[in-house]
């Protein structure tokens, strides 16, 4: 939903919250200040809106009906750097630290004042220069990876990846040239209880390489640094 009076250049705010009264409160308050708004009642709806229509900032509730808000945040961070403010009833310090570590830019504890929320939004929008955060796309004419659309093509043909294979590829492509450690890969993809299971990564990257036409002996895309981690080395990667 958006205000017909708002400028097309106004900041777009995506609100992901399952409580209709909160969505309505935020929607009315933002539109009265000239913002454009997108509203979602579930995590999946919110991710789809962000991928399809974009946003300058996201307001994300943790208590969603289809999936935990932190899962939504983790998924979002694999392909977008859009600023995120989390709405949470969990006010403990450990919870706040965990949210920031997971990729949130700020948080507001429920119940909250709309003026406080809007003030925090203005700070983040200024920091981001009020520019839309574009999802990275890699395309070298042979391999095309569109992270927002979750589409991978090799020589024009769509490549079918499993959820884990795409997650691994997305994690690497979003950080071109950067070495991503095995510990980080294992923690983010399988959880902290599997940080010693390096063979999980070896098996997965072997399958992924086969599907995207990468040769382990002469890698074009995924470089392995034995015992340390992986690096996406495509020369034309778009920075995150």
C-alpha atoms as a PDB file:
ATOM      1  CA  UNK A   1       0.000   0.000   0.000  1.00  0.00           C
ATOM      2  CA  UNK A   2       1.365   3.477  -0.838  1.00  0.00           C
ATOM      3  CA  UNK A   3       0.219   7.051  -0.588  1.00  0.00           C
ATOM      4  CA  UNK A   4      -0.908   8.598  -3.894  1.00  0.00           C
ATOM      5  CA  UNK A   5       0.394  11.962  -2.681  1.00  0.00           C
ATOM      6  CA  UNK A   6       3.898  10.669  -2.019  1.00  0.00           C
ATOM      7  CA  UNK A   7       6.705  11.513  -4.417  1.00  0.00           C
ATOM      8  CA  UNK A   8       8.011   8.599  -6.506  1.00  0.00           C
ATOM      9  CA  UNK A   9      11.437   9.493  -5.095  1.00  0.00           C
ATOM     10  CA  UNK A  10      10.244   9.257  -1.471  1.00  0.00           C
ATOM     11  CA  UNK A  11      11.923   6.576   0.663  1.00  0.00           C
ATOM     12  CA  UNK A  12      10.192   3.212   0.478  1.00  0.00           C
ATOM     13  CA  UNK A  13       9.620   1.464   3.780  1.00  0.00           C
ATOM     14  CA  UNK A  14       8.819  -2.249   3.922  1.00  0.00           C
ATOM     15  CA  UNK A  15       6.949  -3.186   7.116  1.00  0.00           C
ATOM     16  CA  UNK A  16       6.897  -6.909   7.964  1.00  0.00           C
ATOM     17  CA  UNK A  17       4.585  -7.489  10.929  1.00  0.00           C
ATOM     18  CA  UNK A  18       1.711  -9.910  11.454  1.00  0.00           C
ATOM     19  CA  UNK A  19      -0.298  -7.591  13.725  1.00  0.00           C
ATOM     20  CA  UNK A  20      -2.782  -5.586  11.581  1.00  0.00           C
ATOM     21  CA  UNK A  21      -3.039  -2.744  14.097  1.00  0.00           C
ATOM     22  CA  UNK A  22       0.719  -2.222  14.143  1.00  0.00           C
ATOM     23  CA  UNK A  23       0.954  -2.325  10.347  1.00  0.00           C
ATOM     24  CA  UNK A  24      -1.866   0.215  10.154  1.00  0.00           C
ATOM     25  CA  UNK A  25      -0.293   2.520  12.752  1.00  0.00           C
ATOM     26  CA  UNK A  26       3.091   2.516  11.030  1.00  0.00           C
ATOM     27  CA  UNK A  27       1.528   2.806   7.575  1.00  0.00           C
ATOM     28  CA  UNK A  28      -0.616   5.843   8.436  1.00  0.00           C
ATOM     29  CA  UNK A  29       2.209   7.557  10.322  1.00  0.00           C
ATOM     30  CA  UNK A  30       4.737   7.069   7.532  1.00  0.00           C
ATOM     31  CA  UNK A  31       2.417   8.084   4.703  1.00  0.00           C
ATOM     32  CA  UNK A  32       1.484  11.232   6.604  1.00  0.00           C
ATOM     33  CA  UNK A  33       5.179  12.140   6.467  1.00  0.00           C
ATOM     34  CA  UNK A  34       5.485  11.470   2.741  1.00  0.00           C
ATOM     35  CA  UNK A  35       6.974   7.986   2.799  1.00  0.00           C
ATOM     36  CA  UNK A  36       5.977   5.180   0.453  1.00  0.00           C
ATOM     37  CA  UNK A  37       5.011   1.987   2.264  1.00  0.00           C
ATOM     38  CA  UNK A  38       4.941  -1.710   1.489  1.00  0.00           C
ATOM     39  CA  UNK A  39       3.156  -3.979   3.967  1.00  0.00           C
ATOM     40  CA  UNK A  40       3.656  -7.693   4.612  1.00  0.00           C
ATOM     41  CA  UNK A  41       2.052  -9.976   7.198  1.00  0.00           C
ATOM     42  CA  UNK A  42       4.516 -12.881   6.837  1.00  0.00           C
ATOM     43  CA  UNK A  43       8.236 -13.318   6.424  1.00  0.00           C
ATOM     44  CA  UNK A  44       7.941 -14.878   2.976  1.00  0.00           C
ATOM     45  CA  UNK A  45       5.652 -12.111   1.745  1.00  0.00           C
ATOM     46  CA  UNK A  46       8.142  -9.551   3.008  1.00  0.00           C
ATOM     47  CA  UNK A  47      11.100 -11.198   1.268  1.00  0.00           C
ATOM     48  CA  UNK A  48       9.132 -11.425  -1.965  1.00  0.00           C
ATOM     49  CA  UNK A  49       8.189  -7.741  -1.800  1.00  0.00           C
ATOM     50  CA  UNK A  50      11.771  -6.732  -1.109  1.00  0.00           C
ATOM     51  CA  UNK A  51      13.076  -8.814  -4.006  1.00  0.00           C
ATOM     52  CA  UNK A  52      10.381  -7.691  -6.420  1.00  0.00           C
ATOM     53  CA  UNK A  53       9.865  -4.036  -5.551  1.00  0.00           C
ATOM     54  CA  UNK A  54      12.848  -3.027  -3.431  1.00  0.00           C
ATOM     55  CA  UNK A  55      12.920  -0.846  -0.323  1.00  0.00           C
ATOM     56  CA  UNK A  56      15.116   1.783   1.266  1.00  0.00           C
ATOM     57  CA  UNK A  57      14.554   0.462   4.785  1.00  0.00           C
ATOM     58  CA  UNK A  58      12.838  -2.542   6.402  1.00  0.00           C
ATOM     59  CA  UNK A  59      10.937  -2.646   9.692  1.00  0.00           C
ATOM     60  CA  UNK A  60      10.908  -6.305  10.757  1.00  0.00           C
ATOM     61  CA  UNK A  61       8.953  -7.917  13.576  1.00  0.00           C
ATOM     62  CA  UNK A  62      10.514 -11.017  15.146  1.00  0.00           C
ATOM     63  CA  UNK A  63       7.243 -12.799  15.931  1.00  0.00           C
ATOM     64  CA  UNK A  64       5.979 -13.816  12.492  1.00  0.00           C
ATOM     65  CA  UNK A  65       3.493 -16.634  11.809  1.00  0.00           C
ATOM     66  CA  UNK A  66       5.449 -18.491   9.113  1.00  0.00           C
ATOM     67  CA  UNK A  67       9.047 -18.227  10.328  1.00  0.00           C
ATOM     68  CA  UNK A  68      11.113 -16.594  13.022  1.00  0.00           C
ATOM     69  CA  UNK A  69      12.102 -13.014  12.279  1.00  0.00           C
ATOM     70  CA  UNK A  70      15.766 -13.841  12.732  1.00  0.00           C
ATOM     71  CA  UNK A  71      15.499 -16.443   9.977  1.00  0.00           C
ATOM     72  CA  UNK A  72      14.022 -13.771   7.724  1.00  0.00           C
ATOM     73  CA  UNK A  73      16.876 -11.427   8.630  1.00  0.00           C
ATOM     74  CA  UNK A  74      19.482 -14.105   7.885  1.00  0.00           C
ATOM     75  CA  UNK A  75      17.889 -14.862   4.505  1.00  0.00           C
ATOM     76  CA  UNK A  76      17.621 -11.171   3.640  1.00  0.00           C
ATOM     77  CA  UNK A  77      21.249 -10.519   4.497  1.00  0.00           C
ATOM     78  CA  UNK A  78      22.408 -13.110   1.983  1.00  0.00           C
ATOM     79  CA  UNK A  79      21.496 -10.774  -0.866  1.00  0.00           C
ATOM     80  CA  UNK A  80      20.642  -7.315   0.454  1.00  0.00           C
ATOM     81  CA  UNK A  81      22.317  -4.575   2.494  1.00  0.00           C
ATOM     82  CA  UNK A  82      19.095  -2.625   3.027  1.00  0.00           C
ATOM     83  CA  UNK A  83      18.937  -1.116   6.555  1.00  0.00           C
ATOM     84  CA  UNK A  84      16.767  -3.171   8.927  1.00  0.00           C
ATOM     85  CA  UNK A  85      15.111  -2.073  12.182  1.00  0.00           C
ATOM     86  CA  UNK A  86      13.859  -4.987  14.259  1.00  0.00           C
ATOM     87  CA  UNK A  87      10.748  -4.785  16.439  1.00  0.00           C
ATOM     88  CA  UNK A  88      11.127  -7.057  19.449  1.00  0.00           C
ATOM     89  CA  UNK A  89       9.546  -7.749  22.822  1.00  0.00           C
ATOM     90  CA  UNK A  90      12.768  -9.443  23.902  1.00  0.00           C
ATOM     91  CA  UNK A  91      14.616  -6.661  25.663  1.00  0.00           C
ATOM     92  CA  UNK A  92      17.564  -8.593  27.117  1.00  0.00           C
ATOM     93  CA  UNK A  93      21.105  -7.509  26.261  1.00  0.00           C
ATOM     94  CA  UNK A  94      22.039 -10.919  24.837  1.00  0.00           C
ATOM     95  CA  UNK A  95      19.061 -10.828  22.499  1.00  0.00           C
ATOM     96  CA  UNK A  96      19.936  -7.338  21.268  1.00  0.00           C
ATOM     97  CA  UNK A  97      23.556  -8.328  20.638  1.00  0.00           C
ATOM     98  CA  UNK A  98      22.397 -11.432  18.764  1.00  0.00           C
ATOM     99  CA  UNK A  99      20.119  -9.334  16.545  1.00  0.00           C
ATOM    100  CA  UNK A 100      22.903  -6.911  15.670  1.00  0.00           C
ATOM    101  CA  UNK A 101      25.296  -9.783  14.993  1.00  0.00           C
ATOM    102  CA  UNK A 102      22.679 -11.322  12.698  1.00  0.00           C
ATOM    103  CA  UNK A 103      22.625  -8.168  10.580  1.00  0.00           C
ATOM    104  CA  UNK A 104      20.074  -5.806  12.109  1.00  0.00           C
ATOM    105  CA  UNK A 105      21.039  -2.127  11.980  1.00  0.00           C
ATOM    106  CA  UNK A 106      18.897  -1.120  14.962  1.00  0.00           C
ATOM    107  CA  UNK A 107      16.052  -2.332  17.148  1.00  0.00           C
ATOM    108  CA  UNK A 108      13.007  -0.937  18.905  1.00  0.00           C
ATOM    109  CA  UNK A 109      11.468  -2.709  21.894  1.00  0.00           C
ATOM    110  CA  UNK A 110       7.701  -3.238  21.960  1.00  0.00           C
ATOM    111  CA  UNK A 111       5.638  -1.393  22.989  1.00  0.00           C
ATOM    112  CA  UNK A 112       7.263   1.478  21.135  1.00  0.00           C
ATOM    113  CA  UNK A 113       6.519   5.087  20.310  1.00  0.00           C
ATOM    114  CA  UNK A 114       6.020   5.847  16.623  1.00  0.00           C
ATOM    115  CA  UNK A 115       8.141   9.004  16.924  1.00  0.00           C
ATOM    116  CA  UNK A 116      11.077   6.972  18.244  1.00  0.00           C
ATOM    117  CA  UNK A 117      10.745   4.493  15.384  1.00  0.00           C
ATOM    118  CA  UNK A 118      10.644   7.256  12.796  1.00  0.00           C
ATOM    119  CA  UNK A 119      13.636   9.014  14.342  1.00  0.00           C
ATOM    120  CA  UNK A 120      15.673   5.797  14.134  1.00  0.00           C
ATOM    121  CA  UNK A 121      14.556   5.351  10.534  1.00  0.00           C
ATOM    122  CA  UNK A 122      15.707   8.844   9.621  1.00  0.00           C
ATOM    123  CA  UNK A 123      19.153   8.159  11.054  1.00  0.00           C
ATOM    124  CA  UNK A 124      19.543   4.981   8.997  1.00  0.00           C
ATOM    125  CA  UNK A 125      18.191   6.571   5.833  1.00  0.00           C
ATOM    126  CA  UNK A 126      20.647   9.449   6.151  1.00  0.00           C
ATOM    127  CA  UNK A 127      23.488   6.997   6.633  1.00  0.00           C
ATOM    128  CA  UNK A 128      22.413   5.064   3.548  1.00  0.00           C
ATOM    129  CA  UNK A 129      22.073   8.257   1.507  1.00  0.00           C
ATOM    130  CA  UNK A 130      18.405   7.368   0.912  1.00  0.00           C
ATOM    131  CA  UNK A 131      19.485   5.119  -1.947  1.00  0.00           C
ATOM    132  CA  UNK A 132      17.816   1.841  -2.740  1.00  0.00           C
ATOM    133  CA  UNK A 133      20.001  -1.089  -1.826  1.00  0.00           C
ATOM    134  CA  UNK A 134      20.311  -3.173  -4.968  1.00  0.00           C
ATOM    135  CA  UNK A 135      20.779  -6.915  -4.719  1.00  0.00           C
ATOM    136  CA  UNK A 136      24.042  -8.037  -6.367  1.00  0.00           C
ATOM    137  CA  UNK A 137      23.971  -9.666  -9.789  1.00  0.00           C
ATOM    138  CA  UNK A 138      26.960 -11.489 -11.247  1.00  0.00           C
ATOM    139  CA  UNK A 139      27.093 -11.980 -15.006  1.00  0.00           C
ATOM    140  CA  UNK A 140      30.236 -12.781 -16.992  1.00  0.00           C
ATOM    141  CA  UNK A 141      28.414 -13.873 -20.137  1.00  0.00           C
ATOM    142  CA  UNK A 142      28.752 -17.513 -19.130  1.00  0.00           C
ATOM    143  CA  UNK A 143      27.377 -17.660 -15.601  1.00  0.00           C
ATOM    144  CA  UNK A 144      24.607 -15.361 -14.367  1.00  0.00           C
ATOM    145  CA  UNK A 145      23.599 -15.235 -10.691  1.00  0.00           C
ATOM    146  CA  UNK A 146      20.681 -13.061  -9.611  1.00  0.00           C
ATOM    147  CA  UNK A 147      20.571 -13.333  -5.831  1.00  0.00           C
ATOM    148  CA  UNK A 148      17.329 -11.433  -5.285  1.00  0.00           C
ATOM    149  CA  UNK A 149      15.438 -13.522  -7.835  1.00  0.00           C
ATOM    150  CA  UNK A 150      17.236 -16.710  -6.790  1.00  0.00           C
ATOM    151  CA  UNK A 151      17.983 -17.476 -10.433  1.00  0.00           C
ATOM    152  CA  UNK A 152      21.221 -19.079 -11.648  1.00  0.00           C
ATOM    153  CA  UNK A 153      21.890 -19.579 -15.347  1.00  0.00           C
ATOM    154  CA  UNK A 154      24.790 -21.265 -17.141  1.00  0.00           C
ATOM    155  CA  UNK A 155      25.162 -20.377 -20.824  1.00  0.00           C
ATOM    156  CA  UNK A 156      21.562 -19.174 -20.823  1.00  0.00           C
ATOM    157  CA  UNK A 157      20.137 -22.310 -19.274  1.00  0.00           C
ATOM    158  CA  UNK A 158      18.601 -22.257 -15.790  1.00  0.00           C
ATOM    159  CA  UNK A 159      20.573 -24.247 -13.229  1.00  0.00           C
ATOM    160  CA  UNK A 160      18.547 -25.984 -10.538  1.00  0.00           C
ATOM    161  CA  UNK A 161      20.244 -25.696  -7.154  1.00  0.00           C
ATOM    162  CA  UNK A 162      19.217 -27.137  -3.821  1.00  0.00           C
ATOM    163  CA  UNK A 163      18.526 -24.731  -0.974  1.00  0.00           C
ATOM    164  CA  UNK A 164      21.946 -25.390   0.564  1.00  0.00           C
ATOM    165  CA  UNK A 165      23.754 -25.065  -2.764  1.00  0.00           C
ATOM    166  CA  UNK A 166      22.133 -21.698  -3.440  1.00  0.00           C
ATOM    167  CA  UNK A 167      22.815 -20.521   0.115  1.00  0.00           C
ATOM    168  CA  UNK A 168      26.517 -21.361  -0.279  1.00  0.00           C
ATOM    169  CA  UNK A 169      26.732 -19.627  -3.648  1.00  0.00           C
ATOM    170  CA  UNK A 170      24.876 -16.562  -2.352  1.00  0.00           C
ATOM    171  CA  UNK A 171      27.124 -16.286   0.685  1.00  0.00           C
ATOM    172  CA  UNK A 172      30.225 -16.271  -1.525  1.00  0.00           C
ATOM    173  CA  UNK A 173      28.928 -14.064  -4.362  1.00  0.00           C
ATOM    174  CA  UNK A 174      27.701 -11.405  -1.930  1.00  0.00           C
ATOM    175  CA  UNK A 175      31.311 -11.023  -0.735  1.00  0.00           C
ATOM    176  CA  UNK A 176      33.387 -11.136  -3.953  1.00  0.00           C
ATOM    177  CA  UNK A 177      37.085 -11.614  -3.417  1.00  0.00           C
ATOM    178  CA  UNK A 178      36.682 -12.036   0.319  1.00  0.00           C
ATOM    179  CA  UNK A 179      37.797 -15.243   2.002  1.00  0.00           C
ATOM    180  CA  UNK A 180      34.846 -16.765   3.871  1.00  0.00           C
ATOM    181  CA  UNK A 181      36.130 -19.112   6.544  1.00  0.00           C
ATOM    182  CA  UNK A 182      34.958 -22.689   6.972  1.00  0.00           C
ATOM    183  CA  UNK A 183      33.812 -21.829  10.482  1.00  0.00           C
ATOM    184  CA  UNK A 184      31.659 -18.987   9.191  1.00  0.00           C
ATOM    185  CA  UNK A 185      30.187 -21.154   6.442  1.00  0.00           C
ATOM    186  CA  UNK A 186      29.375 -23.994   8.808  1.00  0.00           C
ATOM    187  CA  UNK A 187      27.916 -21.723  11.471  1.00  0.00           C
ATOM    188  CA  UNK A 188      25.696 -19.784   9.071  1.00  0.00           C
ATOM    189  CA  UNK A 189      24.502 -22.762   7.029  1.00  0.00           C
ATOM    190  CA  UNK A 190      24.331 -25.617   9.522  1.00  0.00           C
ATOM    191  CA  UNK A 191      24.458 -23.935  12.925  1.00  0.00           C
ATOM    192  CA  UNK A 192      27.026 -23.625  15.729  1.00  0.00           C
ATOM    193  CA  UNK A 193      26.889 -27.333  16.577  1.00  0.00           C
ATOM    194  CA  UNK A 194      28.497 -28.191  13.208  1.00  0.00           C
ATOM    195  CA  UNK A 195      31.524 -25.868  13.132  1.00  0.00           C
ATOM    196  CA  UNK A 196      33.865 -28.881  13.124  1.00  0.00           C
ATOM    197  CA  UNK A 197      32.132 -30.665  10.238  1.00  0.00           C
ATOM    198  CA  UNK A 198      34.264 -29.310   7.389  1.00  0.00           C
ATOM    199  CA  UNK A 199      33.384 -32.290   5.191  1.00  0.00           C
ATOM    200  CA  UNK A 200      29.878 -30.829   4.858  1.00  0.00           C
ATOM    201  CA  UNK A 201      31.355 -27.894   2.932  1.00  0.00           C
ATOM    202  CA  UNK A 202      33.648 -30.085   0.811  1.00  0.00           C
ATOM    203  CA  UNK A 203      30.729 -32.224  -0.349  1.00  0.00           C
ATOM    204  CA  UNK A 204      28.469 -29.245  -1.018  1.00  0.00           C
ATOM    205  CA  UNK A 205      31.034 -27.207  -2.937  1.00  0.00           C
ATOM    206  CA  UNK A 206      31.859 -30.237  -5.094  1.00  0.00           C
ATOM    207  CA  UNK A 207      28.201 -30.551  -6.107  1.00  0.00           C
ATOM    208  CA  UNK A 208      27.892 -26.807  -6.671  1.00  0.00           C
ATOM    209  CA  UNK A 209      31.013 -26.666  -8.840  1.00  0.00           C
ATOM    210  CA  UNK A 210      29.668 -29.450 -11.020  1.00  0.00           C
ATOM    211  CA  UNK A 211      26.407 -27.562 -11.618  1.00  0.00           C
ATOM    212  CA  UNK A 212      27.987 -24.190 -12.463  1.00  0.00           C
ATOM    213  CA  UNK A 213      30.746 -25.628 -14.637  1.00  0.00           C
ATOM    214  CA  UNK A 214      33.633 -24.901 -12.297  1.00  0.00           C
ATOM    215  CA  UNK A 215      36.761 -27.089 -12.320  1.00  0.00           C
ATOM    216  CA  UNK A 216      38.348 -27.702  -8.906  1.00  0.00           C
ATOM    217  CA  UNK A 217      41.787 -28.152 -10.492  1.00  0.00           C
ATOM    218  CA  UNK A 218      41.543 -24.836 -12.350  1.00  0.00           C
ATOM    219  CA  UNK A 219      38.763 -22.862 -10.623  1.00  0.00           C
ATOM    220  CA  UNK A 220      37.081 -20.050 -12.486  1.00  0.00           C
ATOM    221  CA  UNK A 221      34.611 -19.086  -9.768  1.00  0.00           C
ATOM    222  CA  UNK A 222      35.153 -20.764  -6.412  1.00  0.00           C
ATOM    223  CA  UNK A 223      38.675 -20.838  -5.016  1.00  0.00           C
ATOM    224  CA  UNK A 224      39.446 -23.154  -2.106  1.00  0.00           C
ATOM    225  CA  UNK A 225      42.115 -22.260   0.423  1.00  0.00           C
ATOM    226  CA  UNK A 226      42.694 -25.654   2.077  1.00  0.00           C
ATOM    227  CA  UNK A 227      41.832 -25.733   5.754  1.00  0.00           C
ATOM    228  CA  UNK A 228      40.810 -22.067   5.718  1.00  0.00           C
ATOM    229  CA  UNK A 229      37.807 -21.371   3.534  1.00  0.00           C
ATOM    230  CA  UNK A 230      36.370 -20.401   0.146  1.00  0.00           C
ATOM    231  CA  UNK A 231      36.492 -17.331  -2.038  1.00  0.00           C
ATOM    232  CA  UNK A 232      34.404 -16.274  -5.034  1.00  0.00           C
ATOM    233  CA  UNK A 233      36.907 -15.092  -7.626  1.00  0.00           C
ATOM    234  CA  UNK A 234      34.715 -14.117 -10.591  1.00  0.00           C
ATOM    235  CA  UNK A 235      36.441 -10.988 -11.994  1.00  0.00           C
ATOM    236  CA  UNK A 236      33.214  -9.110 -12.684  1.00  0.00           C
ATOM    237  CA  UNK A 237      31.399  -9.702  -9.391  1.00  0.00           C
ATOM    238  CA  UNK A 238      29.226  -6.823  -8.248  1.00  0.00           C
ATOM    239  CA  UNK A 239      30.218  -5.699  -4.716  1.00  0.00           C
ATOM    240  CA  UNK A 240      27.558  -6.174  -2.015  1.00  0.00           C
END
